[in-house]
Amino acid sequence: MVKIIHPSDAKDLNLPGRKSLEIVSNAIGSAQVTLRLVEIPVATPGESPRNPHRHNDFEECMYVLSGQGATRTAEGEAKVVAGDTILVPAGELHLTRNTGDTPLRMLCFFPTATCTEQK
C-alpha cells in the first residue's frame, strides 16, 4: 500500500549543527530506505564546527536543493551548489558544511531503513 507522508509526519532528529527531519525510515514504515531533509544554517563567527561522521555499513547520497557548501573527506574538500549530488561510500569519514549566506538544504538518502552515524 502506498503511504503519503506529510511534512508534519517527519521526525526532527535534533542533530548538532543542523536541522535534520527524517521523512522516511523504519519508524515511518519503510523496509529498506531512509530519507532526510537536512538544513545547515549559515555559520556564525566563533561557532565550533561539527565533527565528521561515517556510516559504516551503507552509502549516503545527498542532493543539494539550495545554498552552497563544501564536503570534506580524507581526500580533501569539494565545493557543492544547488543541483549537485554527493555520493559518500560506506565507512568514509565526511562532513558537509555551509559556506554561503543562505541555509544549505539537502535531501539525504540512505539504502537502509535504520540509519545511524559513527564518529
PDB file of N, CA and C in Angstrom:
ATOM      1  N   MET A   1       0.830  -1.172   0.000  1.00  0.00           N
ATOM      2  CA  MET A   1       0.000   0.000   0.000  1.00  0.00           C
ATOM      3  C   MET A   1       0.886   1.251   0.000  1.00  0.00           C
ATOM      4  N   VAL A   2       0.549   2.207  -0.794  1.00  0.00           N
ATOM      5  CA  VAL A   2       1.254   3.487  -0.861  1.00  0.00           C
ATOM      6  C   VAL A   2       1.007   4.268   0.419  1.00  0.00           C
ATOM      7  N   LYS A   3       2.022   4.919   0.881  1.00  0.00           N
ATOM      8  CA  LYS A   3       1.880   5.749   2.088  1.00  0.00           C
ATOM      9  C   LYS A   3       2.243   7.181   1.715  1.00  0.00           C
ATOM     10  N   ILE A   4       1.398   8.110   2.049  1.00  0.00           N
ATOM     11  CA  ILE A   4       1.656   9.530   1.845  1.00  0.00           C
ATOM     12  C   ILE A   4       2.176  10.085   3.164  1.00  0.00           C
ATOM     13  N   ILE A   5       3.334  10.734   3.104  1.00  0.00           N
ATOM     14  CA  ILE A   5       3.947  11.276   4.306  1.00  0.00           C
ATOM     15  C   ILE A   5       3.896  12.798   4.215  1.00  0.00           C
ATOM     16  N   HIS A   6       3.273  13.410   5.170  1.00  0.00           N
ATOM     17  CA  HIS A   6       3.124  14.862   5.200  1.00  0.00           C
ATOM     18  C   HIS A   6       4.275  15.483   5.983  1.00  0.00           C
ATOM     19  N   PRO A   7       4.615  16.740   5.708  1.00  0.00           N
ATOM     20  CA  PRO A   7       5.716  17.388   6.443  1.00  0.00           C
ATOM     21  C   PRO A   7       5.582  17.266   7.962  1.00  0.00           C
ATOM     22  N   SER A   8       4.379  17.311   8.455  1.00  0.00           N
ATOM     23  CA  SER A   8       4.177  17.219   9.906  1.00  0.00           C
ATOM     24  C   SER A   8       4.488  15.820  10.451  1.00  0.00           C
ATOM     25  N   ASP A   9       4.589  14.813   9.568  1.00  0.00           N
ATOM     26  CA  ASP A   9       4.917  13.448   9.992  1.00  0.00           C
ATOM     27  C   ASP A   9       6.415  13.243  10.185  1.00  0.00           C
ATOM     28  N   ALA A  10       7.240  14.143   9.644  1.00  0.00           N
ATOM     29  CA  ALA A  10       8.693  13.987   9.733  1.00  0.00           C
ATOM     30  C   ALA A  10       9.156  14.147  11.173  1.00  0.00           C
ATOM     31  N   LYS A  11      10.183  13.371  11.520  1.00  0.00           N
ATOM     32  CA  LYS A  11      10.717  13.394  12.884  1.00  0.00           C
ATOM     33  C   LYS A  11      11.966  14.272  12.921  1.00  0.00           C
ATOM     34  N   ASP A  12      11.979  15.275  13.813  1.00  0.00           N
ATOM     35  CA  ASP A  12      13.160  16.117  14.000  1.00  0.00           C
ATOM     36  C   ASP A  12      14.168  15.323  14.821  1.00  0.00           C
ATOM     37  N   LEU A  13      15.353  15.084  14.264  1.00  0.00           N
ATOM     38  CA  LEU A  13      16.356  14.244  14.918  1.00  0.00           C
ATOM     39  C   LEU A  13      17.225  14.999  15.921  1.00  0.00           C
ATOM     40  N   ASN A  14      17.083  16.320  15.970  1.00  0.00           N
ATOM     41  CA  ASN A  14      17.870  17.133  16.915  1.00  0.00           C
ATOM     42  C   ASN A  14      19.369  16.824  16.827  1.00  0.00           C
ATOM     43  N   LEU A  15      19.899  16.776  15.617  1.00  0.00           N
ATOM     44  CA  LEU A  15      21.326  16.527  15.418  1.00  0.00           C
ATOM     45  C   LEU A  15      22.096  17.834  15.558  1.00  0.00           C
ATOM     46  N   PRO A  16      23.312  17.786  16.073  1.00  0.00           N
ATOM     47  CA  PRO A  16      24.079  19.030  16.285  1.00  0.00           C
ATOM     48  C   PRO A  16      24.435  19.729  14.976  1.00  0.00           C
ATOM     49  N   GLY A  17      24.310  21.056  14.984  1.00  0.00           N
ATOM     50  CA  GLY A  17      24.754  21.883  13.868  1.00  0.00           C
ATOM     51  C   GLY A  17      23.892  21.866  12.632  1.00  0.00           C
ATOM     52  N   ARG A  18      22.747  21.229  12.697  1.00  0.00           N
ATOM     53  CA  ARG A  18      21.879  21.175  11.523  1.00  0.00           C
ATOM     54  C   ARG A  18      20.473  20.761  11.944  1.00  0.00           C
ATOM     55  N   LYS A  19      19.504  21.104  11.116  1.00  0.00           N
ATOM     56  CA  LYS A  19      18.145  20.607  11.319  1.00  0.00           C
ATOM     57  C   LYS A  19      18.001  19.394  10.406  1.00  0.00           C
ATOM     58  N   SER A  20      17.659  18.275  10.966  1.00  0.00           N
ATOM     59  CA  SER A  20      17.532  17.047  10.196  1.00  0.00           C
ATOM     60  C   SER A  20      16.166  16.445  10.450  1.00  0.00           C
ATOM     61  N   LEU A  21      15.335  16.440   9.422  1.00  0.00           N
ATOM     62  CA  LEU A  21      13.993  15.880   9.510  1.00  0.00           C
ATOM     63  C   LEU A  21      13.973  14.533   8.807  1.00  0.00           C
ATOM     64  N   GLU A  22      13.681  13.475   9.549  1.00  0.00           N
ATOM     65  CA  GLU A  22      13.596  12.142   8.950  1.00  0.00           C
ATOM     66  C   GLU A  22      12.196  11.976   8.384  1.00  0.00           C
ATOM     67  N   ILE A  23      12.127  11.892   7.062  1.00  0.00           N
ATOM     68  CA  ILE A  23      10.845  11.818   6.355  1.00  0.00           C
ATOM     69  C   ILE A  23      10.405  10.372   6.208  1.00  0.00           C
ATOM     70  N   VAL A  24      11.366   9.500   5.847  1.00  0.00           N
ATOM     71  CA  VAL A  24      11.088   8.080   5.652  1.00  0.00           C
ATOM     72  C   VAL A  24      12.147   7.284   6.406  1.00  0.00           C
ATOM     73  N   SER A  25      11.718   6.247   7.115  1.00  0.00           N
ATOM     74  CA  SER A  25      12.622   5.321   7.809  1.00  0.00           C
ATOM     75  C   SER A  25      11.770   4.167   8.333  1.00  0.00           C
ATOM     76  N   ASN A  26      12.410   3.257   9.050  1.00  0.00           N
ATOM     77  CA  ASN A  26      11.633   2.156   9.616  1.00  0.00           C
ATOM     78  C   ASN A  26      10.574   2.661  10.595  1.00  0.00           C
ATOM     79  N   ALA A  27      10.843   3.786  11.249  1.00  0.00           N
ATOM     80  CA  ALA A  27       9.874   4.352  12.197  1.00  0.00           C
ATOM     81  C   ALA A  27       8.598   4.819  11.501  1.00  0.00           C
ATOM     82  N   ILE A  28       8.692   5.048  10.190  1.00  0.00           N
ATOM     83  CA  ILE A  28       7.527   5.526   9.430  1.00  0.00           C
ATOM     84  C   ILE A  28       7.023   4.435   8.477  1.00  0.00           C
ATOM     85  N   GLY A  29       7.561   3.226   8.624  1.00  0.00           N
ATOM     86  CA  GLY A  29       7.046   2.102   7.847  1.00  0.00           C
ATOM     87  C   GLY A  29       7.888   1.647   6.681  1.00  0.00           C
ATOM     88  N   SER A  30       9.088   2.194   6.497  1.00  0.00           N
ATOM     89  CA  SER A  30       9.947   1.763   5.401  1.00  0.00           C
ATOM     90  C   SER A  30      10.681   0.476   5.762  1.00  0.00           C
ATOM     91  N   ALA A  31      10.846  -0.386   4.786  1.00  0.00           N
ATOM     92  CA  ALA A  31      11.581  -1.631   4.993  1.00  0.00           C
ATOM     93  C   ALA A  31      13.034  -1.528   4.535  1.00  0.00           C
ATOM     94  N   GLN A  32      13.354  -0.537   3.649  1.00  0.00           N
ATOM     95  CA  GLN A  32      14.689  -0.542   3.065  1.00  0.00           C
ATOM     96  C   GLN A  32      15.350   0.811   2.850  1.00  0.00           C
ATOM     97  N   VAL A  33      14.698   1.927   3.137  1.00  0.00           N
ATOM     98  CA  VAL A  33      15.327   3.230   2.877  1.00  0.00           C
ATOM     99  C   VAL A  33      15.077   4.228   4.012  1.00  0.00           C
ATOM    100  N   THR A  34      15.988   5.204   4.071  1.00  0.00           N
ATOM    101  CA  THR A  34      15.812   6.368   4.932  1.00  0.00           C
ATOM    102  C   THR A  34      15.980   7.603   4.053  1.00  0.00           C
ATOM    103  N   LEU A  35      15.120   8.577   4.238  1.00  0.00           N
ATOM    104  CA  LEU A  35      15.194   9.842   3.517  1.00  0.00           C
ATOM    105  C   LEU A  35      15.077  10.966   4.534  1.00  0.00           C
ATOM    106  N   ARG A  36      16.031  11.912   4.449  1.00  0.00           N
ATOM    107  CA  ARG A  36      16.031  13.053   5.366  1.00  0.00           C
ATOM    108  C   ARG A  36      16.122  14.362   4.604  1.00  0.00           C
ATOM    109  N   LEU A  37      15.477  15.380   5.142  1.00  0.00           N
ATOM    110  CA  LEU A  37      15.637  16.747   4.672  1.00  0.00           C
ATOM    111  C   LEU A  37      16.532  17.432   5.688  1.00  0.00           C
ATOM    112  N   VAL A  38      17.695  17.886   5.234  1.00  0.00           N
ATOM    113  CA  VAL A  38      18.690  18.475   6.135  1.00  0.00           C
ATOM    114  C   VAL A  38      18.894  19.938   5.763  1.00  0.00           C
ATOM    115  N   GLU A  39      18.936  20.789   6.782  1.00  0.00           N
ATOM    116  CA  GLU A  39      19.227  22.199   6.580  1.00  0.00           C
ATOM    117  C   GLU A  39      20.379  22.596   7.502  1.00  0.00           C
ATOM    118  N   ILE A  40      21.466  23.062   6.893  1.00  0.00           N
ATOM    119  CA  ILE A  40      22.631  23.515   7.643  1.00  0.00           C
ATOM    120  C   ILE A  40      22.608  25.040   7.612  1.00  0.00           C
ATOM    121  N   PRO A  41      22.525  25.675   8.771  1.00  0.00           N
ATOM    122  CA  PRO A  41      22.418  27.135   8.797  1.00  0.00           C
ATOM    123  C   PRO A  41      23.719  27.817   8.396  1.00  0.00           C
ATOM    124  N   VAL A  42      23.620  29.104   8.143  1.00  0.00           N
ATOM    125  CA  VAL A  42      24.793  29.934   7.861  1.00  0.00           C
ATOM    126  C   VAL A  42      25.666  29.919   9.117  1.00  0.00           C
ATOM    127  N   ALA A  43      26.961  29.728   8.920  1.00  0.00           N
ATOM    128  CA  ALA A  43      27.891  29.707  10.055  1.00  0.00           C
ATOM    129  C   ALA A  43      27.945  31.074  10.719  1.00  0.00           C
ATOM    130  N   THR A  44      28.076  31.062  12.037  1.00  0.00           N
ATOM    131  CA  THR A  44      28.217  32.312  12.773  1.00  0.00           C
ATOM    132  C   THR A  44      29.657  32.435  13.265  1.00  0.00           C
ATOM    133  N   PRO A  45      30.167  33.653  13.376  1.00  0.00           N
ATOM    134  CA  PRO A  45      31.548  33.842  13.836  1.00  0.00           C
ATOM    135  C   PRO A  45      31.781  33.196  15.206  1.00  0.00           C
ATOM    136  N   GLY A  46      32.888  32.475  15.331  1.00  0.00           N
ATOM    137  CA  GLY A  46      33.245  31.827  16.580  1.00  0.00           C
ATOM    138  C   GLY A  46      32.551  30.499  16.842  1.00  0.00           C
ATOM    139  N   GLU A  47      31.684  30.085  15.928  1.00  0.00           N
ATOM    140  CA  GLU A  47      30.952  28.830  16.085  1.00  0.00           C
ATOM    141  C   GLU A  47      31.905  27.641  15.923  1.00  0.00           C
ATOM    142  N   SER A  48      31.797  26.655  16.800  1.00  0.00           N
ATOM    143  CA  SER A  48      32.606  25.444  16.681  1.00  0.00           C
ATOM    144  C   SER A  48      32.050  24.577  15.566  1.00  0.00           C
ATOM    145  N   PRO A  49      32.923  24.077  14.681  1.00  0.00           N
ATOM    146  CA  PRO A  49      32.425  23.230  13.595  1.00  0.00           C
ATOM    147  C   PRO A  49      31.976  21.862  14.121  1.00  0.00           C
ATOM    148  N   ARG A  50      31.038  21.257  13.407  1.00  0.00           N
ATOM    149  CA  ARG A  50      30.616  19.893  13.743  1.00  0.00           C
ATOM    150  C   ARG A  50      31.769  18.942  13.475  1.00  0.00           C
ATOM    151  N   ASN A  51      31.728  17.797  14.103  1.00  0.00           N
ATOM    152  CA  ASN A  51      32.717  16.765  13.840  1.00  0.00           C
ATOM    153  C   ASN A  51      32.283  15.907  12.660  1.00  0.00           C
ATOM    154  N   PRO A  52      33.238  15.393  11.878  1.00  0.00           N
ATOM    155  CA  PRO A  52      32.888  14.466  10.802  1.00  0.00           C
ATOM    156  C   PRO A  52      32.267  13.191  11.378  1.00  0.00           C
ATOM    157  N   HIS A  53      31.558  12.472  10.530  1.00  0.00           N
ATOM    158  CA  HIS A  53      30.943  11.209  10.928  1.00  0.00           C
ATOM    159  C   HIS A  53      31.019  10.233   9.759  1.00  0.00           C
ATOM    160  N   ARG A  54      30.623   9.007  10.004  1.00  0.00           N
ATOM    161  CA  ARG A  54      30.597   7.981   8.952  1.00  0.00           C
ATOM    162  C   ARG A  54      29.387   7.072   9.156  1.00  0.00           C
ATOM    163  N   HIS A  55      29.070   6.350   8.107  1.00  0.00           N
ATOM    164  CA  HIS A  55      28.032   5.322   8.146  1.00  0.00           C
ATOM    165  C   HIS A  55      28.744   4.046   7.688  1.00  0.00           C
ATOM    166  N   ASN A  56      29.078   3.190   8.625  1.00  0.00           N
ATOM    167  CA  ASN A  56      29.949   2.054   8.328  1.00  0.00           C
ATOM    168  C   ASN A  56      29.380   1.048   7.338  1.00  0.00           C
ATOM    169  N   ASP A  57      28.076   0.843   7.345  1.00  0.00           N
ATOM    170  CA  ASP A  57      27.502  -0.263   6.578  1.00  0.00           C
ATOM    171  C   ASP A  57      26.739   0.130   5.315  1.00  0.00           C
ATOM    172  N   PHE A  58      26.704   1.426   4.994  1.00  0.00           N
ATOM    173  CA  PHE A  58      25.930   1.835   3.813  1.00  0.00           C
ATOM    174  C   PHE A  58      26.409   3.184   3.300  1.00  0.00           C
ATOM    175  N   GLU A  59      26.114   3.433   2.026  1.00  0.00           N
ATOM    176  CA  GLU A  59      26.439   4.710   1.388  1.00  0.00           C
ATOM    177  C   GLU A  59      25.451   5.782   1.839  1.00  0.00           C
ATOM    178  N   GLU A  60      25.844   7.039   1.572  1.00  0.00           N
ATOM    179  CA  GLU A  60      24.934   8.167   1.741  1.00  0.00           C
ATOM    180  C   GLU A  60      24.936   8.945   0.437  1.00  0.00           C
ATOM    181  N   CYS A  61      23.754   9.308  -0.019  1.00  0.00           N
ATOM    182  CA  CYS A  61      23.620  10.100  -1.239  1.00  0.00           C
ATOM    183  C   CYS A  61      22.883  11.383  -0.858  1.00  0.00           C
ATOM    184  N   MET A  62      23.517  12.533  -1.139  1.00  0.00           N
ATOM    185  CA  MET A  62      22.938  13.829  -0.788  1.00  0.00           C
ATOM    186  C   MET A  62      22.701  14.641  -2.054  1.00  0.00           C
ATOM    187  N   TYR A  63      21.510  15.167  -2.193  1.00  0.00           N
ATOM    188  CA  TYR A  63      21.170  16.042  -3.310  1.00  0.00           C
ATOM    189  C   TYR A  63      20.996  17.448  -2.750  1.00  0.00           C
ATOM    190  N   VAL A  64      21.763  18.404  -3.285  1.00  0.00           N
ATOM    191  CA  VAL A  64      21.719  19.784  -2.801  1.00  0.00           C
ATOM    192  C   VAL A  64      20.532  20.506  -3.439  1.00  0.00           C
ATOM    193  N   LEU A  65      19.566  20.891  -2.605  1.00  0.00           N
ATOM    194  CA  LEU A  65      18.378  21.601  -3.075  1.00  0.00           C
ATOM    195  C   LEU A  65      18.635  23.093  -3.251  1.00  0.00           C
ATOM    196  N   SER A  66      19.338  23.694  -2.275  1.00  0.00           N
ATOM    197  CA  SER A  66      19.612  25.126  -2.347  1.00  0.00           C
ATOM    198  C   SER A  66      20.797  25.464  -1.458  1.00  0.00           C
ATOM    199  N   GLY A  67      21.403  26.604  -1.759  1.00  0.00           N
ATOM    200  CA  GLY A  67      22.551  27.062  -0.996  1.00  0.00           C
ATOM    201  C   GLY A  67      23.861  26.574  -1.586  1.00  0.00           C
ATOM    202  N   GLN A  68      24.919  26.788  -0.836  1.00  0.00           N
ATOM    203  CA  GLN A  68      26.239  26.319  -1.267  1.00  0.00           C
ATOM    204  C   GLN A  68      27.012  25.856  -0.045  1.00  0.00           C
ATOM    205  N   GLY A  69      27.911  24.916  -0.279  1.00  0.00           N
ATOM    206  CA  GLY A  69      28.659  24.362   0.838  1.00  0.00           C
ATOM    207  C   GLY A  69      29.920  23.672   0.360  1.00  0.00           C
ATOM    208  N   ALA A  70      30.471  22.873   1.253  1.00  0.00           N
ATOM    209  CA  ALA A  70      31.669  22.098   0.952  1.00  0.00           C
ATOM    210  C   ALA A  70      31.575  20.790   1.717  1.00  0.00           C
ATOM    211  N   THR A  71      31.947  19.708   1.050  1.00  0.00           N
ATOM    212  CA  THR A  71      32.001  18.390   1.676  1.00  0.00           C
ATOM    213  C   THR A  71      33.461  18.020   1.848  1.00  0.00           C
ATOM    214  N   ARG A  72      33.819  17.670   3.085  1.00  0.00           N
ATOM    215  CA  ARG A  72      35.206  17.323   3.401  1.00  0.00           C
ATOM    216  C   ARG A  72      35.311  15.829   3.703  1.00  0.00           C
ATOM    217  N   THR A  73      36.346  15.209   3.114  1.00  0.00           N
ATOM    218  CA  THR A  73      36.688  13.816   3.384  1.00  0.00           C
ATOM    219  C   THR A  73      38.203  13.756   3.590  1.00  0.00           C
ATOM    220  N   ALA A  74      38.727  12.575   3.781  1.00  0.00           N
ATOM    221  CA  ALA A  74      40.183  12.408   3.937  1.00  0.00           C
ATOM    222  C   ALA A  74      40.925  12.854   2.676  1.00  0.00           C
ATOM    223  N   GLU A  75      40.258  12.847   1.544  1.00  0.00           N
ATOM    224  CA  GLU A  75      40.878  13.233   0.269  1.00  0.00           C
ATOM    225  C   GLU A  75      40.912  14.739   0.049  1.00  0.00           C
ATOM    226  N   GLY A  76      40.197  15.489   0.868  1.00  0.00           N
ATOM    227  CA  GLY A  76      40.152  16.941   0.696  1.00  0.00           C
ATOM    228  C   GLY A  76      38.739  17.461   0.782  1.00  0.00           C
ATOM    229  N   GLU A  77      38.533  18.639   0.199  1.00  0.00           N
ATOM    230  CA  GLU A  77      37.241  19.310   0.274  1.00  0.00           C
ATOM    231  C   GLU A  77      36.754  19.630  -1.134  1.00  0.00           C
ATOM    232  N   ALA A  78      35.459  19.429  -1.366  1.00  0.00           N
ATOM    233  CA  ALA A  78      34.847  19.728  -2.659  1.00  0.00           C
ATOM    234  C   ALA A  78      33.681  20.682  -2.450  1.00  0.00           C
ATOM    235  N   LYS A  79      33.615  21.730  -3.264  1.00  0.00           N
ATOM    236  CA  LYS A  79      32.509  22.685  -3.192  1.00  0.00           C
ATOM    237  C   LYS A  79      31.261  22.064  -3.810  1.00  0.00           C
ATOM    238  N   VAL A  80      30.092  22.407  -3.246  1.00  0.00           N
ATOM    239  CA  VAL A  80      28.818  21.929  -3.772  1.00  0.00           C
ATOM    240  C   VAL A  80      27.830  23.086  -3.843  1.00  0.00           C
ATOM    241  N   VAL A  81      26.959  23.032  -4.847  1.00  0.00           N
ATOM    242  CA  VAL A  81      25.912  24.034  -5.035  1.00  0.00           C
ATOM    243  C   VAL A  81      24.620  23.319  -5.397  1.00  0.00           C
ATOM    244  N   ALA A  82      23.532  24.074  -5.419  1.00  0.00           N
ATOM    245  CA  ALA A  82      22.229  23.522  -5.776  1.00  0.00           C
ATOM    246  C   ALA A  82      22.313  22.737  -7.077  1.00  0.00           C
ATOM    247  N   GLY A  83      21.742  21.547  -7.078  1.00  0.00           N
ATOM    248  CA  GLY A  83      21.755  20.673  -8.244  1.00  0.00           C
ATOM    249  C   GLY A  83      22.839  19.612  -8.191  1.00  0.00           C
ATOM    250  N   ASP A  84      23.848  19.786  -7.325  1.00  0.00           N
ATOM    251  CA  ASP A  84      24.906  18.781  -7.190  1.00  0.00           C
ATOM    252  C   ASP A  84      24.419  17.604  -6.349  1.00  0.00           C
ATOM    253  N   THR A  85      25.008  16.438  -6.617  1.00  0.00           N
ATOM    254  CA  THR A  85      24.753  15.243  -5.832  1.00  0.00           C
ATOM    255  C   THR A  85      26.077  14.756  -5.265  1.00  0.00           C
ATOM    256  N   ILE A  86      26.072  14.396  -4.001  1.00  0.00           N
ATOM    257  CA  ILE A  86      27.260  13.920  -3.300  1.00  0.00           C
ATOM    258  C   ILE A  86      27.030  12.447  -2.977  1.00  0.00           C
ATOM    259  N   LEU A  87      27.948  11.584  -3.384  1.00  0.00           N
ATOM    260  CA  LEU A  87      27.857  10.164  -3.059  1.00  0.00           C
ATOM    261  C   LEU A  87      29.023   9.816  -2.144  1.00  0.00           C
ATOM    262  N   VAL A  88      28.719   9.425  -0.920  1.00  0.00           N
ATOM    263  CA  VAL A  88      29.738   9.097   0.076  1.00  0.00           C
ATOM    264  C   VAL A  88      29.761   7.575   0.260  1.00  0.00           C
ATOM    265  N   PRO A  89      30.909   6.935  -0.001  1.00  0.00           N
ATOM    266  CA  PRO A  89      30.992   5.475   0.180  1.00  0.00           C
ATOM    267  C   PRO A  89      30.797   5.071   1.643  1.00  0.00           C
ATOM    268  N   ALA A  90      30.364   3.857   1.846  1.00  0.00           N
ATOM    269  CA  ALA A  90      30.210   3.314   3.197  1.00  0.00           C
ATOM    270  C   ALA A  90      31.538   3.401   3.936  1.00  0.00           C
ATOM    271  N   GLY A  91      31.477   3.825   5.180  1.00  0.00           N
ATOM    272  CA  GLY A  91      32.661   3.872   6.026  1.00  0.00           C
ATOM    273  C   GLY A  91      33.537   5.098   5.881  1.00  0.00           C
ATOM    274  N   GLU A  92      33.240   5.982   4.903  1.00  0.00           N
ATOM    275  CA  GLU A  92      34.087   7.155   4.691  1.00  0.00           C
ATOM    276  C   GLU A  92      33.709   8.286   5.653  1.00  0.00           C
ATOM    277  N   LEU A  93      34.703   8.773   6.377  1.00  0.00           N
ATOM    278  CA  LEU A  93      34.516   9.898   7.287  1.00  0.00           C
ATOM    279  C   LEU A  93      34.239  11.142   6.448  1.00  0.00           C
ATOM    280  N   HIS A  94      33.164  11.883   6.771  1.00  0.00           N
ATOM    281  CA  HIS A  94      32.789  13.035   5.957  1.00  0.00           C
ATOM    282  C   HIS A  94      32.056  14.082   6.784  1.00  0.00           C
ATOM    283  N   LEU A  95      32.021  15.281   6.224  1.00  0.00           N
ATOM    284  CA  LEU A  95      31.329  16.405   6.834  1.00  0.00           C
ATOM    285  C   LEU A  95      30.949  17.381   5.722  1.00  0.00           C
ATOM    286  N   THR A  96      29.704  17.812   5.721  1.00  0.00           N
ATOM    287  CA  THR A  96      29.268  18.845   4.784  1.00  0.00           C
ATOM    288  C   THR A  96      28.935  20.082   5.604  1.00  0.00           C
ATOM    289  N   ARG A  97      29.456  21.233   5.157  1.00  0.00           N
ATOM    290  CA  ARG A  97      29.226  22.485   5.887  1.00  0.00           C
ATOM    291  C   ARG A  97      28.712  23.546   4.931  1.00  0.00           C
ATOM    292  N   ASN A  98      28.075  24.540   5.490  1.00  0.00           N
ATOM    293  CA  ASN A  98      27.539  25.662   4.730  1.00  0.00           C
ATOM    294  C   ASN A  98      28.656  26.683   4.533  1.00  0.00           C
ATOM    295  N   THR A  99      28.884  27.101   3.295  1.00  0.00           N
ATOM    296  CA  THR A  99      29.886  28.133   3.004  1.00  0.00           C
ATOM    297  C   THR A  99      29.244  29.399   2.443  1.00  0.00           C
ATOM    298  N   GLY A 100      27.929  29.426   2.392  1.00  0.00           N
ATOM    299  CA  GLY A 100      27.234  30.561   1.792  1.00  0.00           C
ATOM    300  C   GLY A 100      26.576  31.464   2.815  1.00  0.00           C
ATOM    301  N   ASP A 101      25.689  32.328   2.304  1.00  0.00           N
ATOM    302  CA  ASP A 101      24.993  33.276   3.165  1.00  0.00           C
ATOM    303  C   ASP A 101      23.499  32.987   3.273  1.00  0.00           C
ATOM    304  N   THR A 102      23.102  31.796   2.831  1.00  0.00           N
ATOM    305  CA  THR A 102      21.733  31.301   2.999  1.00  0.00           C
ATOM    306  C   THR A 102      21.824  29.858   3.497  1.00  0.00           C
ATOM    307  N   PRO A 103      20.752  29.324   4.088  1.00  0.00           N
ATOM    308  CA  PRO A 103      20.813  27.943   4.548  1.00  0.00           C
ATOM    309  C   PRO A 103      21.148  26.978   3.400  1.00  0.00           C
ATOM    310  N   LEU A 104      21.905  25.941   3.709  1.00  0.00           N
ATOM    311  CA  LEU A 104      22.220  24.858   2.773  1.00  0.00           C
ATOM    312  C   LEU A 104      21.186  23.769   3.016  1.00  0.00           C
ATOM    313  N   ARG A 105      20.366  23.467   1.995  1.00  0.00           N
ATOM    314  CA  ARG A 105      19.296  22.465   2.127  1.00  0.00           C
ATOM    315  C   ARG A 105      19.592  21.287   1.218  1.00  0.00           C
ATOM    316  N   MET A 106      19.460  20.079   1.794  1.00  0.00           N
ATOM    317  CA  MET A 106      19.773  18.858   1.047  1.00  0.00           C
ATOM    318  C   MET A 106      18.763  17.761   1.371  1.00  0.00           C
ATOM    319  N   LEU A 107      18.529  16.896   0.388  1.00  0.00           N
ATOM    320  CA  LEU A 107      17.828  15.637   0.632  1.00  0.00           C
ATOM    321  C   LEU A 107      18.907  14.575   0.770  1.00  0.00           C
ATOM    322  N   CYS A 108      18.857  13.807   1.848  1.00  0.00           N
ATOM    323  CA  CYS A 108      19.862  12.773   2.116  1.00  0.00           C
ATOM    324  C   CYS A 108      19.183  11.411   2.089  1.00  0.00           C
ATOM    325  N   PHE A 109      19.725  10.523   1.259  1.00  0.00           N
ATOM    326  CA  PHE A 109      19.158   9.189   1.062  1.00  0.00           C
ATOM    327  C   PHE A 109      20.138   8.137   1.553  1.00  0.00           C
ATOM    328  N   PHE A 110      19.619   7.151   2.271  1.00  0.00           N
ATOM    329  CA  PHE A 110      20.408   6.028   2.775  1.00  0.00           C
ATOM    330  C   PHE A 110      19.694   4.726   2.385  1.00  0.00           C
ATOM    331  N   PRO A 111      20.414   3.736   1.851  1.00  0.00           N
ATOM    332  CA  PRO A 111      19.761   2.477   1.450  1.00  0.00           C
ATOM    333  C   PRO A 111      19.586   1.516   2.619  1.00  0.00           C
ATOM    334  N   THR A 112      19.035   2.016   3.700  1.00  0.00           N
ATOM    335  CA  THR A 112      18.742   1.230   4.891  1.00  0.00           C
ATOM    336  C   THR A 112      17.578   1.908   5.605  1.00  0.00           C
ATOM    337  N   ALA A 113      16.758   1.127   6.265  1.00  0.00           N
ATOM    338  CA  ALA A 113      15.606   1.707   6.959  1.00  0.00           C
ATOM    339  C   ALA A 113      15.967   2.227   8.349  1.00  0.00           C
ATOM    340  N   THR A 114      17.155   1.858   8.835  1.00  0.00           N
ATOM    341  CA  THR A 114      17.643   2.329  10.137  1.00  0.00           C
ATOM    342  C   THR A 114      18.998   2.955   9.922  1.00  0.00           C
ATOM    343  N   CYS A 115      19.089   4.247  10.083  1.00  0.00           N
ATOM    344  CA  CYS A 115      20.316   4.995   9.780  1.00  0.00           C
ATOM    345  C   CYS A 115      20.952   5.516  11.058  1.00  0.00           C
ATOM    346  N   THR A 116      22.217   5.174  11.259  1.00  0.00           N
ATOM    347  CA  THR A 116      22.956   5.685  12.409  1.00  0.00           C
ATOM    348  C   THR A 116      24.286   6.247  11.942  1.00  0.00           C
ATOM    349  N   GLU A 117      24.841   7.125  12.759  1.00  0.00           N
ATOM    350  CA  GLU A 117      26.159   7.728  12.476  1.00  0.00           C
ATOM    351  C   GLU A 117      27.169   7.183  13.463  1.00  0.00           C
ATOM    352  N   GLN A 118      28.404   7.008  12.991  1.00  0.00           N
ATOM    353  CA  GLN A 118      29.523   6.679  13.863  1.00  0.00           C
ATOM    354  C   GLN A 118      30.574   7.759  13.703  1.00  0.00           C
ATOM    355  N   LYS A 119      31.319   8.005  14.751  1.00  0.00           N
ATOM    356  CA  LYS A 119      32.370   9.018  14.701  1.00  0.00           C
ATOM    357  C   LYS A 119      33.688   8.380  14.325  1.00  0.00           C
TER     358      LYS A 119
END
